[in-house]
C-alpha atoms as a PDB file:
ATOM      1  CA  UNK A   1      -0.124   0.219   0.013  1.00  0.00           C
ATOM      2  CA  UNK A   2       2.569   2.293   0.876  1.00  0.00           C
ATOM      3  CA  UNK A   3       4.665   1.687  -2.702  1.00  0.00           C
ATOM      4  CA  UNK A   4       1.625   2.232  -4.587  1.00  0.00           C
ATOM      5  CA  UNK A   5       0.954   5.687  -2.490  1.00  0.00           C
ATOM      6  CA  UNK A   6       4.331   6.982  -2.936  1.00  0.00           C
ATOM      7  CA  UNK A   7       4.292   5.826  -6.746  1.00  0.00           C
ATOM      8  CA  UNK A   8       1.189   7.854  -6.915  1.00  0.00           C
ATOM      9  CA  UNK A   9       2.880  10.874  -5.223  1.00  0.00           C
ATOM     10  CA  UNK A  10       6.203  10.333  -7.489  1.00  0.00           C
ATOM     11  CA  UNK A  11       4.077  10.809 -10.548  1.00  0.00           C
ATOM     12  CA  UNK A  12       2.032  14.031  -9.023  1.00  0.00           C
ATOM     13  CA  UNK A  13       4.819  15.530  -7.734  1.00  0.00           C
ATOM     14  CA  UNK A  14       6.525  15.393 -11.644  1.00  0.00           C
ATOM     15  CA  UNK A  15       2.994  16.764 -12.733  1.00  0.00           C
ATOM     16  CA  UNK A  16       2.822  19.617 -10.407  1.00  0.00           C
ATOM     17  CA  UNK A  17       6.611  20.689 -11.358  1.00  0.00           C
ATOM     18  CA  UNK A  18       5.652  20.876 -14.888  1.00  0.00           C
ATOM     19  CA  UNK A  19       2.607  22.899 -13.914  1.00  0.00           C
ATOM     20  CA  UNK A  20       4.220  25.396 -11.257  1.00  0.00           C
ATOM     21  CA  UNK A  21       7.385  26.097 -14.263  1.00  0.00           C
ATOM     22  CA  UNK A  22       4.942  26.570 -16.815  1.00  0.00           C
ATOM     23  CA  UNK A  23       2.982  29.015 -14.535  1.00  0.00           C
ATOM     24  CA  UNK A  24       6.045  30.590 -13.342  1.00  0.00           C
ATOM     25  CA  UNK A  25       7.287  31.404 -16.882  1.00  0.00           C
ATOM     26  CA  UNK A  26       3.540  32.490 -17.527  1.00  0.00           C
ATOM     27  CA  UNK A  27       3.536  34.934 -14.699  1.00  0.00           C
ATOM     28  CA  UNK A  28       7.112  36.467 -14.863  1.00  0.00           C
ATOM     29  CA  UNK A  29       5.411  37.797 -18.216  1.00  0.00           C
ATOM     30  CA  UNK A  30       3.603  40.188 -16.323  1.00  0.00           C
ATOM     31  CA  UNK A  31       6.058  42.085 -14.507  1.00  0.00           C
ATOM     32  CA  UNK A  32       4.655  41.905 -11.540  1.00  0.00           C
ATOM     33  CA  UNK A  33       5.630  40.900  -8.003  1.00  0.00           C
ATOM     34  CA  UNK A  34       3.698  37.269  -7.854  1.00  0.00           C
ATOM     35  CA  UNK A  35       6.147  34.132  -6.103  1.00  0.00           C
ATOM     36  CA  UNK A  36       5.852  30.584  -6.321  1.00  0.00           C
ATOM     37  CA  UNK A  37       5.925  28.342  -2.916  1.00  0.00           C
ATOM     38  CA  UNK A  38       6.632  24.446  -3.630  1.00  0.00           C
ATOM     39  CA  UNK A  39       7.460  21.505  -1.018  1.00  0.00           C
ATOM     40  CA  UNK A  40       6.600  18.502  -0.011  1.00  0.00           C
ATOM     41  CA  UNK A  41       3.870  17.212   3.497  1.00  0.00           C
ATOM     42  CA  UNK A  42       4.243  14.365   5.109  1.00  0.00           C
ATOM     43  CA  UNK A  43       2.642  12.932   7.826  1.00  0.00           C
ATOM     44  CA  UNK A  44       2.823   9.689  10.376  1.00  0.00           C
ATOM     45  CA  UNK A  45      -0.335   8.304  11.883  1.00  0.00           C
ATOM     46  CA  UNK A  46      -1.992   8.211   9.291  1.00  0.00           C
ATOM     47  CA  UNK A  47       0.960   8.147   6.675  1.00  0.00           C
ATOM     48  CA  UNK A  48      -0.225  11.252   4.056  1.00  0.00           C
ATOM     49  CA  UNK A  49       2.326  12.314   1.731  1.00  0.00           C
ATOM     50  CA  UNK A  50       1.145  15.289  -0.721  1.00  0.00           C
ATOM     51  CA  UNK A  51       3.250  17.835  -3.271  1.00  0.00           C
ATOM     52  CA  UNK A  52       2.122  21.509  -2.173  1.00  0.00           C
ATOM     53  CA  UNK A  53       2.199  24.751  -4.340  1.00  0.00           C
ATOM     54  CA  UNK A  54       1.523  28.120  -3.517  1.00  0.00           C
ATOM     55  CA  UNK A  55       1.086  30.858  -6.291  1.00  0.00           C
ATOM     56  CA  UNK A  56       0.677  34.905  -5.680  1.00  0.00           C
ATOM     57  CA  UNK A  57      -0.209  37.000  -8.448  1.00  0.00           C
ATOM     58  CA  UNK A  58      -0.456  41.041  -7.451  1.00  0.00           C
ATOM     59  CA  UNK A  59      -3.144  42.253 -10.069  1.00  0.00           C
ATOM     60  CA  UNK A  60      -3.786  45.942  -9.936  1.00  0.00           C
ATOM     61  CA  UNK A  61      -5.089  46.897  -6.140  1.00  0.00           C
ATOM     62  CA  UNK A  62      -5.622  43.025  -5.528  1.00  0.00           C
ATOM     63  CA  UNK A  63      -3.577  40.025  -4.282  1.00  0.00           C
ATOM     64  CA  UNK A  64      -4.707  36.477  -5.823  1.00  0.00           C
ATOM     65  CA  UNK A  65      -3.675  33.379  -4.519  1.00  0.00           C
ATOM     66  CA  UNK A  66      -4.062  29.809  -4.861  1.00  0.00           C
ATOM     67  CA  UNK A  67      -2.534  26.678  -3.115  1.00  0.00           C
ATOM     68  CA  UNK A  68      -2.849  23.205  -4.888  1.00  0.00           C
ATOM     69  CA  UNK A  69      -2.645  20.298  -2.967  1.00  0.00           C
ATOM     70  CA  UNK A  70      -2.688  16.556  -3.429  1.00  0.00           C
ATOM     71  CA  UNK A  71      -6.699  16.461  -2.799  1.00  0.00           C
ATOM     72  CA  UNK A  72      -7.692  19.710  -2.895  1.00  0.00           C
ATOM     73  CA  UNK A  73      -7.824  23.294  -4.176  1.00  0.00           C
ATOM     74  CA  UNK A  74      -8.116  26.492  -2.216  1.00  0.00           C
ATOM     75  CA  UNK A  75      -8.264  29.793  -4.184  1.00  0.00           C
ATOM     76  CA  UNK A  76      -7.979  33.507  -2.238  1.00  0.00           C
ATOM     77  CA  UNK A  77      -8.777  37.537  -2.987  1.00  0.00           C
ATOM     78  CA  UNK A  78      -6.871  40.295  -1.067  1.00  0.00           C
ATOM     79  CA  UNK A  79      -6.627  43.912  -0.517  1.00  0.00           C
ATOM     80  CA  UNK A  80      -6.303  46.830   1.073  1.00  0.00           C
ATOM     81  CA  UNK A  81      -7.808  50.021   1.628  1.00  0.00           C
ATOM     82  CA  UNK A  82      -5.666  52.863   2.940  1.00  0.00           C
ATOM     83  CA  UNK A  83      -7.143  56.228   4.503  1.00  0.00           C
ATOM     84  CA  UNK A  84      -4.261  58.513   4.458  1.00  0.00           C
ATOM     85  CA  UNK A  85      -3.138  59.592   8.234  1.00  0.00           C
ATOM     86  CA  UNK A  86      -6.422  58.361   9.744  1.00  0.00           C
ATOM     87  CA  UNK A  87      -5.515  54.825   9.189  1.00  0.00           C
ATOM     88  CA  UNK A  88      -5.823  51.502   7.207  1.00  0.00           C
ATOM     89  CA  UNK A  89      -7.871  48.715   6.301  1.00  0.00           C
ATOM     90  CA  UNK A  90      -7.134  44.980   4.694  1.00  0.00           C
ATOM     91  CA  UNK A  91      -9.405  42.237   3.644  1.00  0.00           C
ATOM     92  CA  UNK A  92      -8.570  38.816   2.617  1.00  0.00           C
ATOM     93  CA  UNK A  93     -11.328  36.011   1.544  1.00  0.00           C
ATOM     94  CA  UNK A  94     -10.712  32.163   1.018  1.00  0.00           C
ATOM     95  CA  UNK A  95     -12.616  29.396  -0.613  1.00  0.00           C
ATOM     96  CA  UNK A  96     -11.188  25.830  -0.908  1.00  0.00           C
ATOM     97  CA  UNK A  97     -12.590  22.362  -2.288  1.00  0.00           C
ATOM     98  CA  UNK A  98     -11.043  19.383  -1.905  1.00  0.00           C
ATOM     99  CA  UNK A  99     -12.122  15.256  -1.847  1.00  0.00           C
ATOM    100  CA  UNK A 100     -13.089  15.581   1.676  1.00  0.00           C
ATOM    101  CA  UNK A 101     -15.214  18.719   1.871  1.00  0.00           C
ATOM    102  CA  UNK A 102     -14.987  22.247   1.092  1.00  0.00           C
ATOM    103  CA  UNK A 103     -14.377  25.591   3.295  1.00  0.00           C
ATOM    104  CA  UNK A 104     -14.725  29.087   3.198  1.00  0.00           C
ATOM    105  CA  UNK A 105     -13.476  32.138   5.135  1.00  0.00           C
ATOM    106  CA  UNK A 106     -13.064  36.004   5.480  1.00  0.00           C
ATOM    107  CA  UNK A 107     -10.405  38.090   7.313  1.00  0.00           C
ATOM    108  CA  UNK A 108      -9.930  41.783   8.176  1.00  0.00           C
ATOM    109  CA  UNK A 109      -8.130  44.151  10.262  1.00  0.00           C
ATOM    110  CA  UNK A 110      -7.491  47.157  10.651  1.00  0.00           C
ATOM    111  CA  UNK A 111      -5.556  50.298  12.476  1.00  0.00           C
ATOM    112  CA  UNK A 112      -7.388  53.757  13.077  1.00  0.00           C
ATOM    113  CA  UNK A 113      -5.207  55.900  15.567  1.00  0.00           C
ATOM    114  CA  UNK A 114      -4.777  54.378  18.749  1.00  0.00           C
ATOM    115  CA  UNK A 115      -6.943  51.512  17.638  1.00  0.00           C
ATOM    116  CA  UNK A 116      -5.956  48.377  15.778  1.00  0.00           C
ATOM    117  CA  UNK A 117      -8.825  45.695  15.273  1.00  0.00           C
ATOM    118  CA  UNK A 118      -8.477  42.012  13.706  1.00  0.00           C
ATOM    119  CA  UNK A 119     -11.884  39.978  12.868  1.00  0.00           C
ATOM    120  CA  UNK A 120     -12.039  36.498  11.092  1.00  0.00           C
ATOM    121  CA  UNK A 121     -14.754  33.927  10.317  1.00  0.00           C
ATOM    122  CA  UNK A 122     -14.585  30.668   8.550  1.00  0.00           C
ATOM    123  CA  UNK A 123     -16.774  27.514   7.991  1.00  0.00           C
ATOM    124  CA  UNK A 124     -15.837  23.837   6.652  1.00  0.00           C
ATOM    125  CA  UNK A 125     -17.851  21.136   6.565  1.00  0.00           C
ATOM    126  CA  UNK A 126     -14.994  18.825   6.941  1.00  0.00           C
ATOM    127  CA  UNK A 127     -11.327  19.387   9.013  1.00  0.00           C
ATOM    128  CA  UNK A 128      -9.756  22.621   7.965  1.00  0.00           C
ATOM    129  CA  UNK A 129      -6.348  20.378   7.440  1.00  0.00           C
ATOM    130  CA  UNK A 130      -7.868  18.298   4.708  1.00  0.00           C
ATOM    131  CA  UNK A 131      -8.299  21.337   2.534  1.00  0.00           C
ATOM    132  CA  UNK A 132      -5.037  22.764   3.355  1.00  0.00           C
ATOM    133  CA  UNK A 133      -2.231  21.117   5.349  1.00  0.00           C
ATOM    134  CA  UNK A 134      -1.269  22.767   8.254  1.00  0.00           C
ATOM    135  CA  UNK A 135      -4.372  23.999   9.101  1.00  0.00           C
ATOM    136  CA  UNK A 136      -6.232  23.341  12.209  1.00  0.00           C
ATOM    137  CA  UNK A 137      -7.327  19.856  12.645  1.00  0.00           C
ATOM    138  CA  UNK A 138     -11.068  21.221  13.356  1.00  0.00           C
ATOM    139  CA  UNK A 139     -13.724  21.996  11.384  1.00  0.00           C
ATOM    140  CA  UNK A 140     -17.132  23.416  11.508  1.00  0.00           C
ATOM    141  CA  UNK A 141     -17.563  27.609  12.242  1.00  0.00           C
ATOM    142  CA  UNK A 142     -14.971  29.786  13.971  1.00  0.00           C
ATOM    143  CA  UNK A 143     -15.279  33.097  14.534  1.00  0.00           C
ATOM    144  CA  UNK A 144     -12.578  35.840  16.229  1.00  0.00           C
ATOM    145  CA  UNK A 145     -12.321  39.125  17.408  1.00  0.00           C
ATOM    146  CA  UNK A 146      -9.236  40.937  18.319  1.00  0.00           C
ATOM    147  CA  UNK A 147      -8.685  44.696  19.487  1.00  0.00           C
ATOM    148  CA  UNK A 148      -6.122  46.931  21.149  1.00  0.00           C
ATOM    149  CA  UNK A 149      -5.777  50.274  22.095  1.00  0.00           C
ATOM    150  CA  UNK A 150      -2.672  52.300  23.038  1.00  0.00           C
ATOM    151  CA  UNK A 151      -3.213  54.203  25.878  1.00  0.00           C
ATOM    152  CA  UNK A 152       0.268  55.940  25.286  1.00  0.00           C
ATOM    153  CA  UNK A 153       3.428  55.107  23.264  1.00  0.00           C
ATOM    154  CA  UNK A 154       4.400  53.092  25.960  1.00  0.00           C
ATOM    155  CA  UNK A 155       0.801  51.174  27.086  1.00  0.00           C
ATOM    156  CA  UNK A 156      -1.652  49.324  25.123  1.00  0.00           C
ATOM    157  CA  UNK A 157      -4.370  46.698  26.246  1.00  0.00           C
ATOM    158  CA  UNK A 158      -5.706  44.226  24.622  1.00  0.00           C
ATOM    159  CA  UNK A 159      -8.679  41.649  24.446  1.00  0.00           C
ATOM    160  CA  UNK A 160      -9.804  38.979  22.070  1.00  0.00           C
ATOM    161  CA  UNK A 161     -12.936  36.566  22.199  1.00  0.00           C
ATOM    162  CA  UNK A 162     -13.558  33.481  20.096  1.00  0.00           C
ATOM    163  CA  UNK A 163     -16.394  31.132  19.496  1.00  0.00           C
ATOM    164  CA  UNK A 164     -16.095  27.604  17.762  1.00  0.00           C
ATOM    165  CA  UNK A 165     -19.293  25.135  16.815  1.00  0.00           C
ATOM    166  CA  UNK A 166     -17.235  22.057  15.549  1.00  0.00           C
ATOM    167  CA  UNK A 167     -18.616  19.490  13.236  1.00  0.00           C
ATOM    168  CA  UNK A 168     -20.113  17.912  16.129  1.00  0.00           C
ATOM    169  CA  UNK A 169     -22.204  20.493  17.072  1.00  0.00           C
ATOM    170  CA  UNK A 170     -20.516  21.670  20.051  1.00  0.00           C
ATOM    171  CA  UNK A 171     -19.978  24.956  20.849  1.00  0.00           C
ATOM    172  CA  UNK A 172     -16.643  26.409  22.960  1.00  0.00           C
ATOM    173  CA  UNK A 173     -15.542  30.207  23.570  1.00  0.00           C
ATOM    174  CA  UNK A 174     -12.495  31.652  24.920  1.00  0.00           C
ATOM    175  CA  UNK A 175     -11.986  35.495  26.367  1.00  0.00           C
ATOM    176  CA  UNK A 176      -8.412  37.203  26.690  1.00  0.00           C
ATOM    177  CA  UNK A 177      -7.122  40.626  28.099  1.00  0.00           C
ATOM    178  CA  UNK A 178      -4.112  41.861  28.108  1.00  0.00           C
ATOM    179  CA  UNK A 179      -1.427  44.914  29.341  1.00  0.00           C
ATOM    180  CA  UNK A 180       1.652  45.586  27.265  1.00  0.00           C
ATOM    181  CA  UNK A 181       4.117  47.795  28.853  1.00  0.00           C
ATOM    182  CA  UNK A 182       6.590  49.119  26.565  1.00  0.00           C
ATOM    183  CA  UNK A 183       9.882  50.376  28.196  1.00  0.00           C
ATOM    184  CA  UNK A 184      13.393  49.056  26.394  1.00  0.00           C
ATOM    185  CA  UNK A 185      11.509  45.676  25.989  1.00  0.00           C
ATOM    186  CA  UNK A 186       7.911  45.219  26.408  1.00  0.00           C
ATOM    187  CA  UNK A 187       6.561  43.375  28.454  1.00  0.00           C
ATOM    188  CA  UNK A 188       2.665  41.789  28.668  1.00  0.00           C
ATOM    189  CA  UNK A 189       0.624  40.576  31.862  1.00  0.00           C
ATOM    190  CA  UNK A 190      -3.055  38.643  31.300  1.00  0.00           C
ATOM    191  CA  UNK A 191      -6.312  37.017  31.986  1.00  0.00           C
ATOM    192  CA  UNK A 192      -7.780  34.764  29.681  1.00  0.00           C
ATOM    193  CA  UNK A 193     -10.273  31.322  29.788  1.00  0.00           C
ATOM    194  CA  UNK A 194     -10.529  29.034  26.714  1.00  0.00           C
ATOM    195  CA  UNK A 195     -13.183  26.336  26.955  1.00  0.00           C
ATOM    196  CA  UNK A 196     -14.000  26.808  30.786  1.00  0.00           C
ATOM    197  CA  UNK A 197     -10.019  26.796  31.296  1.00  0.00           C
ATOM    198  CA  UNK A 198      -8.803  29.279  33.011  1.00  0.00           C
ATOM    199  CA  UNK A 199      -5.090  30.787  32.609  1.00  0.00           C
ATOM    200  CA  UNK A 200      -2.577  33.853  33.148  1.00  0.00           C
ATOM    201  CA  UNK A 201      -0.579  35.246  30.808  1.00  0.00           C
ATOM    202  CA  UNK A 202       2.998  36.374  30.851  1.00  0.00           C
ATOM    203  CA  UNK A 203       4.972  37.933  27.610  1.00  0.00           C
ATOM    204  CA  UNK A 204       8.110  39.709  26.356  1.00  0.00           C
ATOM    205  CA  UNK A 205       9.406  41.137  23.274  1.00  0.00           C
ATOM    206  CA  UNK A 206      12.745  42.805  23.012  1.00  0.00           C
ATOM    207  CA  UNK A 207      15.966  43.045  20.910  1.00  0.00           C
ATOM    208  CA  UNK A 208      18.925  40.796  21.928  1.00  0.00           C
ATOM    209  CA  UNK A 209      22.127  42.336  20.395  1.00  0.00           C
ATOM    210  CA  UNK A 210      23.252  45.671  18.505  1.00  0.00           C
ATOM    211  CA  UNK A 211      22.532  43.335  14.923  1.00  0.00           C
ATOM    212  CA  UNK A 212      18.778  43.980  15.834  1.00  0.00           C
ATOM    213  CA  UNK A 213      17.794  39.956  16.614  1.00  0.00           C
ATOM    214  CA  UNK A 214      14.750  40.563  17.344  1.00  0.00           C
ATOM    215  CA  UNK A 215      12.971  37.666  20.357  1.00  0.00           C
ATOM    216  CA  UNK A 216       9.296  37.444  21.751  1.00  0.00           C
ATOM    217  CA  UNK A 217       7.932  34.871  23.352  1.00  0.00           C
ATOM    218  CA  UNK A 218       4.263  34.240  25.162  1.00  0.00           C
ATOM    219  CA  UNK A 219       3.878  31.638  28.161  1.00  0.00           C
ATOM    220  CA  UNK A 220       0.031  30.892  29.492  1.00  0.00           C
ATOM    221  CA  UNK A 221      -0.187  28.985  31.880  1.00  0.00           C
ATOM    222  CA  UNK A 222      -2.900  27.633  34.424  1.00  0.00           C
ATOM    223  CA  UNK A 223      -5.362  25.407  33.381  1.00  0.00           C
ATOM    224  CA  UNK A 224      -4.414  25.781  29.940  1.00  0.00           C
ATOM    225  CA  UNK A 225      -0.771  25.299  28.816  1.00  0.00           C
ATOM    226  CA  UNK A 226       1.252  26.958  25.871  1.00  0.00           C
ATOM    227  CA  UNK A 227       4.684  28.340  25.149  1.00  0.00           C
ATOM    228  CA  UNK A 228       5.275  30.035  22.115  1.00  0.00           C
ATOM    229  CA  UNK A 229       8.432  32.005  20.768  1.00  0.00           C
ATOM    230  CA  UNK A 230       9.323  33.663  17.852  1.00  0.00           C
ATOM    231  CA  UNK A 231      13.318  34.687  17.025  1.00  0.00           C
ATOM    232  CA  UNK A 232      14.405  36.761  14.088  1.00  0.00           C
ATOM    233  CA  UNK A 233      18.081  37.251  13.460  1.00  0.00           C
ATOM    234  CA  UNK A 234      19.159  39.563  10.039  1.00  0.00           C
ATOM    235  CA  UNK A 235      21.684  37.517   7.851  1.00  0.00           C
ATOM    236  CA  UNK A 236      23.164  40.388   6.399  1.00  0.00           C
ATOM    237  CA  UNK A 237      23.565  43.779   7.134  1.00  0.00           C
ATOM    238  CA  UNK A 238      21.256  44.617   4.716  1.00  0.00           C
ATOM    239  CA  UNK A 239      18.749  42.678   6.559  1.00  0.00           C
ATOM    240  CA  UNK A 240      17.438  41.525   3.277  1.00  0.00           C
ATOM    241  CA  UNK A 241      17.877  38.240   4.572  1.00  0.00           C
ATOM    242  CA  UNK A 242      16.328  36.763   8.074  1.00  0.00           C
ATOM    243  CA  UNK A 243      16.734  33.781   9.989  1.00  0.00           C
ATOM    244  CA  UNK A 244      13.269  32.563  11.577  1.00  0.00           C
ATOM    245  CA  UNK A 245      12.820  30.380  14.479  1.00  0.00           C
ATOM    246  CA  UNK A 246       9.175  29.570  15.567  1.00  0.00           C
ATOM    247  CA  UNK A 247       8.648  27.598  18.560  1.00  0.00           C
ATOM    248  CA  UNK A 248       5.618  26.358  20.063  1.00  0.00           C
ATOM    249  CA  UNK A 249       4.880  23.867  22.685  1.00  0.00           C
ATOM    250  CA  UNK A 250       1.464  22.869  24.650  1.00  0.00           C
ATOM    251  CA  UNK A 251       0.100  20.207  27.283  1.00  0.00           C
ATOM    252  CA  UNK A 252      -1.708  18.307  26.708  1.00  0.00           C
ATOM    253  CA  UNK A 253       1.547  17.141  24.436  1.00  0.00           C
ATOM    254  CA  UNK A 254       1.461  19.085  21.114  1.00  0.00           C
ATOM    255  CA  UNK A 255       4.620  21.182  19.940  1.00  0.00           C
ATOM    256  CA  UNK A 256       5.728  22.706  16.498  1.00  0.00           C
ATOM    257  CA  UNK A 257       8.826  23.989  15.542  1.00  0.00           C
ATOM    258  CA  UNK A 258       9.902  26.043  12.047  1.00  0.00           C
ATOM    259  CA  UNK A 259      12.639  27.462  10.987  1.00  0.00           C
ATOM    260  CA  UNK A 260      12.875  30.134   7.822  1.00  0.00           C
ATOM    261  CA  UNK A 261      15.527  31.634   5.736  1.00  0.00           C
ATOM    262  CA  UNK A 262      16.672  32.460   2.396  1.00  0.00           C
ATOM    263  CA  UNK A 263      13.054  31.281   0.727  1.00  0.00           C
ATOM    264  CA  UNK A 264      13.293  27.734   2.552  1.00  0.00           C
ATOM    265  CA  UNK A 265      10.960  26.989   5.144  1.00  0.00           C
ATOM    266  CA  UNK A 266      10.587  23.616   7.287  1.00  0.00           C
ATOM    267  CA  UNK A 267       8.103  22.838  10.001  1.00  0.00           C
ATOM    268  CA  UNK A 268       7.416  20.285  12.190  1.00  0.00           C
ATOM    269  CA  UNK A 269       5.183  19.170  14.526  1.00  0.00           C
ATOM    270  CA  UNK A 270       3.498  16.836  16.838  1.00  0.00           C
ATOM    271  CA  UNK A 271      -0.236  16.917  18.014  1.00  0.00           C
ATOM    272  CA  UNK A 272      -0.944  12.794  18.305  1.00  0.00           C
ATOM    273  CA  UNK A 273       1.146  12.013  15.129  1.00  0.00           C
ATOM    274  CA  UNK A 274       4.399  13.450  13.548  1.00  0.00           C
ATOM    275  CA  UNK A 275       4.252  15.465  11.002  1.00  0.00           C
ATOM    276  CA  UNK A 276       7.299  17.503   8.314  1.00  0.00           C
ATOM    277  CA  UNK A 277       6.592  20.140   5.736  1.00  0.00           C
ATOM    278  CA  UNK A 278       9.640  21.140   3.661  1.00  0.00           C
ATOM    279  CA  UNK A 279       8.995  24.673   1.166  1.00  0.00           C
ATOM    280  CA  UNK A 280      10.788  26.627  -0.886  1.00  0.00           C
ATOM    281  CA  UNK A 281       9.549  30.346  -2.180  1.00  0.00           C
ATOM    282  CA  UNK A 282      10.192  31.232  -5.643  1.00  0.00           C
ATOM    283  CA  UNK A 283       9.878  35.402  -6.337  1.00  0.00           C
ATOM    284  CA  UNK A 284       9.507  35.675  -9.373  1.00  0.00           C
ATOM    285  CA  UNK A 285      10.453  39.891  -9.103  1.00  0.00           C
ATOM    286  CA  UNK A 286       8.520  42.261 -10.742  1.00  0.00           C
ATOM    287  CA  UNK A 287       7.054  45.105  -9.543  1.00  0.00           C
ATOM    288  CA  UNK A 288       5.235  45.416  -6.375  1.00  0.00           C
END
């Protein structure tokens, strides 16, 4: 069975490689700031292997996206509206269709003076990671709202609320409040509740050296336990290339580790099964 799957995926990978090259040549003729990201995703328990391709194409004031994998296709449309010095609003709409089912979603974020907000709404009739690898292993309806209010240049209040109604009809919610104090570094304190589990929040963000290496870490601890950390380090004097490391660890046991540099990206994870996703982004140049 595994041998048949491997031969099948090898054939698909060859076909997608040819499609990727042809699409890249076609897009480069437009002289736009487009890119292609291609990779390979593998997972154990159950075993699953699929090539992946992501394409972006700026067209006028719109950003068009397409996502391909072995059993699903996704398309997206995004844009932004500038209001001079008043603020900015960006939005994205997406739809995915695969052998397992379908999903739709929308996201919008904006900044107006001291206020920043983000809202998202997603629905799928199957687990979202069936429609695109790397997404949550959840389906049904998901709605979230996040907001921040800057009291002054050093102090910011934050809050978020969320609601989920999964495929079994089980409803869950979450809420979180936070306070951030910016000095040489930024310290964040907060309190939240998710699925009836109460937790405290502690965060830190700051530069580690004169080269501009940036570390950001957030710990949620209590009845829910999760650590998230991200490190960004410049790889050249012009800061055109950066090394990015991401770590997430949670209890009950789940973890992910990501590394990104020079267009290459690798993400490894464990959430009851091991997975590895390798990608490379080819920037085709042109006008942004």
